Amino acid sequence: MLESIINFLSNTGFAQMIRQMGEMAAAGNWLQVIGTPLMLVVACILLYLAIVKKFEPLLLLPIAFGMFLTNLPMEFTQRLMHPQFFIDEQYLINGHDLDMQLIASQGGLLDLLYLGVKLGIYPPLIFLGIGYMTDFGPLIANPKSLLLGAAAQFGVFAAFFMALLLGAAGLGFDVKDAASIGIIGGADGPTAIFVTKTLAPALLPAIAIAAYSYMALIPVIQPPIMKLMTTKKMRSTVMEQLRPVSKTEKILFPIIVTLVVGLIVPDAISLIGCLMLGNLAKESGVIERLGKTMQNELMNIVTIFLGITVGATATAEQFLTPQTLGIIGLGLIAFCFSTFGGLVLGDIMYFATGGKVNPLIGSAGVSAVPMAARVSQQVGQKENPSNFLLMHAMGPNVAGVIGSAVAAGVFLAMFK
């Protein structure tokens, strides 16, 4: 009986935690000794932002809990996820191919779910749901919005070149790392994950967390830049109502976009194709039952799997590095420059049209749908309560989704 009690106590989480911390200290692995509790604090902060502040909770909460789970210093939690199976050369075949037999035999639950990230399955499926929930009508009614979405990708390439400069200065970023960091400027979490899992898998936790954190902070980051780049008169501009868009136009749009993007940037077709398939399912109206699955059950399941597994890769060894701090800083710069690029073109359109375009809609050119469009609406309405910019801002906003996917395809075509 006494032996059974001792066995039970030795297998409790407290006993495992004490043993693990003692082993790490004895081995001189002070990064883990100090870093593991620090990562738990970071996870709790993210949980606070998701639950209390409601910052992008649908993804931030599972990411934070995945981070919390994988950093508990217990033997059981370390059997749930083995990030080294996906990034360390000693566990890979020929230095780059996954050892599926090893993952299947020794991997834990989260290792198996993480295959959906590593194999590029989850981001396109999320785009499928986004496509069904997206109305491209404002973009079709005002095709000039596409230019604003393109201009808002400026931050992607600005951060790319900055990362290259930091890499040359000794921070260790190569061209693939720089491309993965730059895509944060598109303000599109699934796209950032899709690029990073191929080009720089070791950076995935930091890039994913930075991308979703900055998406959640859009209402904080964008308004100061919007006010800096525009005058009160410009922000008060009331735009004319958009023309009605026919059902035929809405059906043809996803087909044409898929064809054009597929011919020009084939590496973006998995994202754009799923986005447009979801939209075609919505606009055609003939597969409503499948459409409900796309936007509800399928997207919700994939979101849970994506969030918790990405968070589970954020161990102290992978996350607490100078590179991570560089990624977080460059991600913020990328996001700010993307907002800046959209606003610059918005200012140009304002003057070119004699004051008919409110430049605030340019800031919605980032891919965060519909948060960026709502921020444009809120800032504009503060200056002029009779101003309703939401539908006008949705044009650049959905154009930004296409733009970020195309930018991702360009990077993949150049550097994979």
Protein backbone atom coordinates (compact mmCIF):
# COMPACT_ATOMS: atom_id res chain seq x y z
CA MET A 1 0.00 0.00 0.00
CA LEU A 2 2.79 2.38 0.96
CA GLU A 3 4.61 1.58 -2.28
CA SER A 4 1.48 2.37 -4.29
CA ILE A 5 1.11 5.74 -2.59
CA ILE A 6 4.77 6.55 -3.24
CA ASN A 7 4.37 5.58 -6.93
CA PHE A 8 1.29 7.79 -7.18
CA LEU A 9 3.05 10.77 -5.60
CA SER A 10 6.15 10.31 -7.78
CA ASN A 11 3.96 10.46 -10.90
CA THR A 12 2.06 13.61 -9.98
CA GLY A 13 2.63 16.74 -11.99
CA PHE A 14 4.39 18.39 -9.06
CA ALA A 15 6.91 15.56 -8.78
CA GLN A 16 7.51 15.53 -12.54
CA MET A 17 8.01 19.28 -12.54
CA ILE A 18 10.55 19.16 -9.71
CA ARG A 19 12.46 16.35 -11.43
CA GLN A 20 12.47 18.13 -14.79
CA MET A 21 13.64 21.45 -13.35
CA GLY A 22 16.36 19.65 -11.34
CA GLU A 23 17.60 17.78 -14.43
CA MET A 24 17.73 20.99 -16.48
CA ALA A 25 19.63 22.82 -13.75
CA ALA A 26 22.08 19.93 -13.33
CA ALA A 27 22.72 19.92 -17.08
CA GLY A 28 23.39 23.65 -17.00
CA ASN A 29 20.44 24.34 -19.29
CA TRP A 30 19.56 27.63 -17.65
CA LEU A 31 17.63 28.85 -20.70
CA GLN A 32 14.99 26.24 -19.97
CA VAL A 33 15.13 26.73 -16.20
CA ILE A 34 14.44 30.45 -16.56
CA GLY A 35 12.73 30.41 -19.94
CA THR A 36 10.05 27.84 -19.19
CA PRO A 37 8.39 29.88 -16.39
CA LEU A 38 8.76 32.98 -18.57
CA MET A 39 6.97 31.26 -21.46
CA LEU A 40 4.16 30.31 -19.08
CA VAL A 41 3.85 34.00 -18.14
CA VAL A 42 3.73 34.97 -21.83
CA ALA A 43 1.04 32.35 -22.41
CA CYS A 44 -1.03 33.74 -19.53
CA ILE A 45 -0.68 37.28 -20.90
CA LEU A 46 -1.96 36.11 -24.29
CA LEU A 47 -4.84 34.29 -22.59
CA TYR A 48 -5.67 37.53 -20.77
CA LEU A 49 -5.68 39.48 -24.05
CA ALA A 50 -7.91 36.86 -25.69
CA ILE A 51 -10.40 36.40 -22.84
CA VAL A 52 -10.56 39.80 -21.14
CA LYS A 53 -9.62 42.18 -23.95
CA LYS A 54 -11.14 39.95 -26.67
CA PHE A 55 -8.17 40.50 -29.01
CA GLU A 56 -8.69 38.00 -31.86
CA PRO A 57 -9.84 35.34 -29.34
CA LEU A 58 -10.76 32.68 -31.91
CA LEU A 59 -7.09 32.11 -32.64
CA LEU A 60 -5.22 33.84 -29.85
CA LEU A 61 -6.87 31.68 -27.16
CA PRO A 62 -5.94 28.26 -28.67
CA ILE A 63 -2.45 29.55 -29.55
CA ALA A 64 -1.92 30.77 -25.99
CA PHE A 65 -3.22 27.54 -24.46
CA GLY A 66 -1.04 25.46 -26.78
CA MET A 67 1.95 27.51 -25.61
CA PHE A 68 0.89 27.05 -21.99
CA LEU A 69 0.48 23.29 -22.44
CA THR A 70 3.81 22.63 -24.15
CA ASN A 71 5.83 24.67 -21.62
CA LEU A 72 4.59 22.88 -18.51
CA PRO A 73 7.77 21.20 -17.18
CA MET A 74 6.22 17.75 -17.00
CA GLU A 75 7.04 14.51 -18.76
CA PHE A 76 3.47 14.02 -20.00
CA THR A 77 3.14 17.40 -21.71
CA GLN A 78 6.48 16.86 -23.44
CA ARG A 79 5.06 13.68 -24.96
CA LEU A 80 2.23 15.69 -26.54
CA MET A 81 4.47 17.68 -28.89
CA HIS A 82 7.99 17.23 -30.25
CA PRO A 83 8.90 20.38 -32.25
CA GLN A 84 12.32 18.88 -32.97
CA PHE A 85 10.71 16.23 -35.19
CA PHE A 86 9.86 19.01 -37.66
CA ILE A 87 12.95 21.24 -37.61
CA ASP A 88 16.05 19.35 -36.37
CA GLU A 89 18.08 17.73 -39.14
CA GLN A 90 18.81 14.66 -37.02
CA TYR A 91 15.11 13.79 -37.06
CA LEU A 92 14.57 14.58 -40.75
CA ILE A 93 15.24 12.38 -43.75
CA ASN A 94 17.93 13.83 -46.03
CA GLY A 95 17.96 16.90 -43.82
CA HIS A 96 14.59 18.26 -44.95
CA ASP A 97 11.90 15.53 -45.41
CA LEU A 98 9.66 14.58 -42.50
CA ASP A 99 10.15 11.14 -41.01
CA MET A 100 6.49 10.13 -41.05
CA GLN A 101 7.22 6.75 -39.49
CA LEU A 102 8.95 8.42 -36.52
CA ILE A 103 6.09 10.90 -36.06
CA ALA A 104 3.46 8.16 -36.28
CA SER A 105 5.27 5.84 -33.83
CA GLN A 106 6.69 8.30 -31.30
CA GLY A 107 4.73 11.50 -31.88
CA GLY A 108 2.04 12.73 -29.54
CA LEU A 109 -1.44 14.06 -30.26
CA LEU A 110 -0.24 17.55 -31.13
CA ASP A 111 2.53 16.18 -33.39
CA LEU A 112 -0.11 14.44 -35.48
CA LEU A 113 -2.35 17.50 -35.60
CA TYR A 114 0.65 19.70 -36.47
CA LEU A 115 1.07 17.78 -39.73
CA GLY A 116 -1.83 19.86 -41.02
CA VAL A 117 0.33 22.96 -40.54
CA LYS A 118 3.57 21.45 -41.77
CA LEU A 119 1.99 19.97 -44.89
CA GLY A 120 0.14 23.21 -45.69
CA ILE A 121 -3.36 21.83 -45.20
CA TYR A 122 -4.89 24.15 -42.59
CA PRO A 123 -4.29 27.64 -44.12
CA PRO A 124 -6.07 26.87 -47.44
CA LEU A 125 -8.99 25.32 -45.54
CA ILE A 126 -9.29 28.50 -43.48
CA PHE A 127 -9.27 30.49 -46.73
CA LEU A 128 -12.13 28.28 -47.92
CA GLY A 129 -14.24 29.48 -45.00
CA ILE A 130 -13.09 33.08 -45.38
CA GLY A 131 -14.08 32.98 -49.04
CA TYR A 132 -17.61 31.90 -48.17
CA MET A 133 -17.94 34.70 -45.62
CA THR A 134 -16.48 37.39 -47.91
CA ASP A 135 -18.48 39.74 -50.11
CA PHE A 136 -16.41 40.87 -53.09
CA GLY A 137 -19.21 43.20 -54.21
CA PRO A 138 -17.52 46.42 -52.97
CA LEU A 139 -14.32 45.48 -54.82
CA ILE A 140 -16.21 44.67 -58.03
CA ALA A 141 -18.19 47.92 -57.76
CA ASN A 142 -15.01 49.94 -57.29
CA PRO A 143 -12.09 48.14 -59.03
CA LYS A 144 -9.71 50.94 -58.00
CA SER A 145 -9.87 49.38 -54.54
CA LEU A 146 -7.58 46.66 -55.86
CA LEU A 147 -4.80 49.25 -56.14
CA LEU A 148 -5.23 50.15 -52.46
CA GLY A 149 -4.94 46.48 -51.51
CA ALA A 150 -1.75 46.24 -53.56
CA ALA A 151 -0.29 49.42 -52.03
CA ALA A 152 -0.89 48.02 -48.55
CA GLN A 153 1.57 45.21 -49.32
CA PHE A 154 4.37 47.80 -49.15
CA GLY A 155 5.15 46.74 -45.60
CA VAL A 156 5.72 43.15 -46.73
CA PHE A 157 8.62 44.10 -48.96
CA ALA A 158 9.93 46.83 -46.64
CA ALA A 159 10.23 44.33 -43.77
CA PHE A 160 11.76 41.78 -46.16
CA PHE A 161 14.64 44.09 -47.03
CA MET A 162 15.05 45.21 -43.41
CA ALA A 163 15.31 41.58 -42.31
CA LEU A 164 17.98 41.01 -44.93
CA LEU A 165 19.92 43.99 -43.57
CA LEU A 166 19.63 42.69 -40.00
CA GLY A 167 20.75 39.28 -41.21
CA ALA A 168 23.81 40.82 -42.82
CA ALA A 169 24.46 42.66 -39.54
CA GLY A 170 24.69 39.35 -37.68
CA LEU A 171 21.18 38.54 -36.47
CA GLY A 172 21.15 35.38 -38.56
CA PHE A 173 18.25 35.98 -40.97
CA ASP A 174 18.71 34.52 -44.43
CA VAL A 175 16.58 35.30 -47.47
CA LYS A 176 13.97 32.65 -46.59
CA ASP A 177 13.68 33.98 -43.04
CA ALA A 178 13.32 37.51 -44.41
CA ALA A 179 10.49 36.47 -46.74
CA SER A 180 8.64 34.76 -43.88
CA ILE A 181 9.04 37.81 -41.63
CA GLY A 182 7.98 40.22 -44.36
CA ILE A 183 4.67 38.45 -44.95
CA ILE A 184 3.56 39.55 -41.45
CA GLY A 185 2.96 42.94 -43.08
CA GLY A 186 0.05 41.44 -44.99
CA ALA A 187 -1.83 41.15 -41.67
CA ASP A 188 -2.95 37.66 -42.63
CA GLY A 189 -2.19 34.92 -40.12
CA PRO A 190 -2.94 31.86 -42.33
CA THR A 191 -0.84 33.28 -45.16
CA ALA A 192 2.07 33.98 -42.80
CA ILE A 193 1.87 30.40 -41.52
CA PHE A 194 1.62 29.02 -45.08
CA VAL A 195 4.81 30.78 -46.15
CA THR A 196 6.78 30.18 -42.95
CA LYS A 197 6.07 26.45 -42.70
CA THR A 198 7.81 26.08 -46.09
CA LEU A 199 10.59 28.65 -45.95
CA ALA A 200 11.51 29.03 -42.26
CA PRO A 201 9.77 26.41 -40.07
CA ALA A 202 12.01 27.18 -37.07
CA LEU A 203 10.57 30.71 -36.98
CA LEU A 204 6.92 29.61 -37.17
CA PRO A 205 5.98 30.16 -33.49
CA ALA A 206 7.34 33.71 -33.35
CA ILE A 207 5.94 34.70 -36.75
CA ALA A 208 2.49 33.21 -36.10
CA ILE A 209 2.17 34.84 -32.69
CA ALA A 210 3.43 38.20 -34.03
CA ALA A 211 1.04 38.06 -37.00
CA TYR A 212 -2.06 37.32 -34.93
CA SER A 213 -1.09 39.70 -32.14
CA TYR A 214 -0.71 42.62 -34.54
CA MET A 215 -3.97 41.68 -36.28
CA ALA A 216 -5.67 41.88 -32.89
CA LEU A 217 -4.04 45.26 -32.20
CA ILE A 218 -5.30 46.92 -35.40
CA PRO A 219 -7.59 49.31 -33.46
CA VAL A 220 -4.52 50.46 -31.49
CA ILE A 221 -1.86 50.57 -34.22
CA GLN A 222 -3.68 52.04 -37.19
CA PRO A 223 -5.55 55.19 -35.95
CA PRO A 224 -2.41 57.22 -35.07
CA ILE A 225 -0.94 56.52 -38.51
CA MET A 226 -4.26 57.37 -40.17
CA LYS A 227 -4.43 60.72 -38.40
CA LEU A 228 -0.79 61.45 -39.21
CA MET A 229 -1.28 60.83 -42.92
CA THR A 230 -4.56 62.73 -43.37
CA THR A 231 -6.19 66.04 -42.47
CA LYS A 232 -9.53 66.47 -40.73
CA LYS A 233 -11.07 67.58 -44.03
CA MET A 234 -9.80 64.47 -45.78
CA ARG A 235 -11.08 62.19 -43.01
CA SER A 236 -14.50 63.85 -43.19
CA THR A 237 -14.95 63.12 -46.90
CA VAL A 238 -18.27 61.43 -47.69
CA MET A 239 -18.04 59.01 -50.60
CA GLU A 240 -20.77 58.30 -53.13
CA GLN A 241 -22.82 55.15 -52.74
CA LEU A 242 -21.41 52.15 -54.59
CA ARG A 243 -23.25 50.86 -57.63
CA PRO A 244 -25.25 47.62 -57.34
CA VAL A 245 -23.34 44.52 -58.41
CA SER A 246 -25.16 41.81 -60.37
CA LYS A 247 -25.15 38.14 -59.42
CA THR A 248 -23.47 37.31 -62.73
CA GLU A 249 -20.54 39.60 -61.86
CA LYS A 250 -20.20 38.02 -58.43
CA ILE A 251 -20.15 34.51 -59.93
CA LEU A 252 -17.65 35.36 -62.66
CA PHE A 253 -15.28 37.22 -60.31
CA PRO A 254 -13.88 34.20 -58.38
CA ILE A 255 -13.49 32.21 -61.61
CA ILE A 256 -11.58 35.00 -63.36
CA VAL A 257 -9.37 35.77 -60.32
CA THR A 258 -8.45 32.09 -59.94
CA LEU A 259 -7.53 31.87 -63.63
CA VAL A 260 -5.46 35.06 -63.66
CA VAL A 261 -3.61 34.41 -60.39
CA GLY A 262 -3.03 30.77 -61.29
CA LEU A 263 -1.41 31.73 -64.58
CA ILE A 264 0.74 34.50 -63.11
CA VAL A 265 1.63 33.18 -59.63
CA PRO A 266 1.02 29.41 -59.54
CA ASP A 267 2.45 29.09 -56.01
CA ALA A 268 -0.45 31.16 -54.67
CA ILE A 269 -3.13 28.95 -56.20
CA SER A 270 -3.76 26.78 -53.14
CA LEU A 271 -4.67 29.88 -51.09
CA ILE A 272 -6.42 31.85 -53.84
CA GLY A 273 -8.14 28.75 -55.22
CA CYS A 274 -9.67 27.84 -51.86
CA LEU A 275 -10.60 31.48 -51.19
CA MET A 276 -12.39 31.76 -54.51
CA LEU A 277 -14.02 28.33 -54.25
CA GLY A 278 -15.56 29.38 -50.95
CA ASN A 279 -16.79 32.62 -52.48
CA LEU A 280 -18.17 30.86 -55.56
CA ALA A 281 -20.04 28.45 -53.28
CA LYS A 282 -21.65 31.45 -51.60
CA GLU A 283 -22.50 33.49 -54.68
CA SER A 284 -23.77 30.58 -56.80
CA GLY A 285 -26.29 29.63 -54.11
CA VAL A 286 -26.49 26.01 -55.28
CA ILE A 287 -24.52 24.28 -52.50
CA GLU A 288 -25.82 26.03 -49.41
CA ARG A 289 -25.41 22.93 -47.24
CA LEU A 290 -21.73 22.60 -48.15
CA GLY A 291 -21.31 26.34 -47.73
CA LYS A 292 -22.56 26.19 -44.15
CA THR A 293 -19.98 23.50 -43.44
CA MET A 294 -17.20 25.65 -44.98
CA GLN A 295 -17.93 28.68 -42.82
CA ASN A 296 -18.91 26.89 -39.62
CA GLU A 297 -17.90 23.32 -38.74
CA LEU A 298 -14.88 22.95 -41.03
CA MET A 299 -13.40 26.37 -40.33
CA ASN A 300 -13.97 26.07 -36.59
CA ILE A 301 -12.29 22.65 -36.38
CA VAL A 302 -9.31 23.74 -38.46
CA THR A 303 -8.95 26.94 -36.43
CA ILE A 304 -8.73 24.94 -33.20
CA PHE A 305 -6.15 22.52 -34.62
CA LEU A 306 -4.10 25.32 -36.20
CA GLY A 307 -4.07 27.50 -33.09
CA ILE A 308 -3.19 24.91 -30.48
CA THR A 309 -0.46 23.24 -32.55
CA VAL A 310 1.21 26.50 -33.57
CA GLY A 311 1.19 27.59 -29.93
CA ALA A 312 2.64 24.23 -28.89
CA THR A 313 5.76 24.85 -31.00
CA ALA A 314 6.61 27.94 -28.92
CA THR A 315 9.00 26.34 -26.46
CA ALA A 316 11.62 28.36 -24.57
CA GLU A 317 14.44 27.07 -26.79
CA GLN A 318 12.63 28.10 -29.97
CA PHE A 319 11.02 31.33 -28.77
CA LEU A 320 13.43 33.06 -26.38
CA THR A 321 16.12 34.10 -28.84
CA PRO A 322 17.41 37.42 -30.23
CA GLN A 323 15.82 36.42 -33.52
CA THR A 324 12.38 36.36 -31.90
CA LEU A 325 12.78 39.92 -30.64
CA GLY A 326 13.87 40.93 -34.14
CA ILE A 327 10.81 39.23 -35.65
CA ILE A 328 8.44 40.99 -33.26
CA GLY A 329 10.02 44.37 -34.02
CA LEU A 330 10.11 43.79 -37.77
CA GLY A 331 6.51 42.54 -37.71
CA LEU A 332 5.38 45.82 -36.15
CA ILE A 333 7.38 47.78 -38.73
CA ALA A 334 5.87 45.70 -41.53
CA PHE A 335 2.36 46.32 -40.26
CA CYS A 336 2.92 50.06 -39.91
CA PHE A 337 4.47 50.34 -43.36
CA SER A 338 1.57 48.42 -44.90
CA THR A 339 -0.89 50.85 -43.32
CA PHE A 340 1.32 53.73 -44.50
CA GLY A 341 1.44 52.40 -48.08
CA GLY A 342 -2.34 52.12 -48.32
CA LEU A 343 -2.83 55.61 -46.90
CA VAL A 344 -0.29 57.16 -49.30
CA LEU A 345 -2.20 55.83 -52.29
CA GLY A 346 -5.44 56.89 -50.61
CA ASP A 347 -4.09 60.45 -50.34
CA ILE A 348 -3.10 60.37 -54.01
CA MET A 349 -6.59 59.19 -55.00
CA TYR A 350 -8.14 61.91 -52.86
CA PHE A 351 -6.29 64.66 -54.74
CA ALA A 352 -6.60 62.96 -58.16
CA THR A 353 -10.40 62.72 -57.84
CA GLY A 354 -10.86 66.21 -56.46
CA GLY A 355 -11.74 65.03 -52.96
CA LYS A 356 -14.16 62.22 -53.88
CA VAL A 357 -12.16 59.39 -52.25
CA ASN A 358 -11.72 59.30 -48.49
CA PRO A 359 -8.07 58.27 -47.99
CA LEU A 360 -8.93 56.43 -44.77
CA ILE A 361 -10.10 53.46 -46.82
CA GLY A 362 -6.47 52.96 -47.88
CA SER A 363 -5.57 51.73 -44.40
CA ALA A 364 -8.08 48.90 -44.88
CA GLY A 365 -5.87 47.50 -47.64
CA VAL A 366 -4.24 45.16 -45.13
CA SER A 367 -5.70 41.68 -45.13
CA ALA A 368 -7.36 41.62 -41.70
CA VAL A 369 -11.04 41.22 -42.66
CA PRO A 370 -13.22 42.94 -41.50
CA MET A 371 -11.32 44.56 -38.61
CA ALA A 372 -9.33 46.99 -40.76
CA ALA A 373 -12.48 48.11 -42.58
CA ARG A 374 -14.23 48.71 -39.26
CA VAL A 375 -11.33 50.86 -38.04
CA SER A 376 -11.61 53.01 -41.20
CA GLN A 377 -15.32 53.39 -40.51
CA GLN A 378 -14.78 54.32 -36.86
CA VAL A 379 -12.07 56.92 -37.52
CA GLY A 380 -14.06 58.49 -40.34
CA GLN A 381 -17.25 58.64 -38.32
CA LYS A 382 -15.49 60.37 -35.42
CA GLU A 383 -14.72 63.26 -37.76
CA ASN A 384 -18.11 63.22 -39.49
CA PRO A 385 -20.97 61.33 -37.79
CA SER A 386 -22.86 61.13 -41.10
CA ASN A 387 -19.94 59.38 -42.78
CA PHE A 388 -20.35 55.66 -43.59
CA LEU A 389 -17.15 54.21 -45.00
CA LEU A 390 -17.56 50.54 -44.12
CA MET A 391 -18.66 49.24 -47.52
CA HIS A 392 -16.13 51.46 -49.30
CA ALA A 393 -13.38 50.15 -47.00
CA MET A 394 -14.39 46.54 -47.58
CA GLY A 395 -13.19 46.84 -51.19
CA PRO A 396 -9.53 47.46 -50.27
CA ASN A 397 -9.89 45.05 -47.34
CA VAL A 398 -10.80 42.03 -49.46
CA ALA A 399 -8.30 43.18 -52.09
CA GLY A 400 -5.68 42.94 -49.35
CA VAL A 401 -6.56 39.26 -48.85
CA ILE A 402 -5.84 38.64 -52.52
CA GLY A 403 -2.73 40.85 -52.39
CA SER A 404 -1.19 39.05 -49.40
CA ALA A 405 -1.81 35.65 -51.01
CA VAL A 406 -0.16 36.84 -54.22
CA ALA A 407 2.82 38.23 -52.26
CA ALA A 408 3.10 34.85 -50.54
CA GLY A 409 3.09 33.12 -53.93
CA VAL A 410 5.84 35.43 -55.19
CA PHE A 411 8.05 34.64 -52.18
CA LEU A 412 7.43 30.91 -52.50
CA ALA A 413 8.19 30.96 -56.23
CA MET A 414 11.45 32.84 -55.65
CA PHE A 415 12.86 31.16 -52.55
CA LYS A 416 11.40 27.70 -51.85
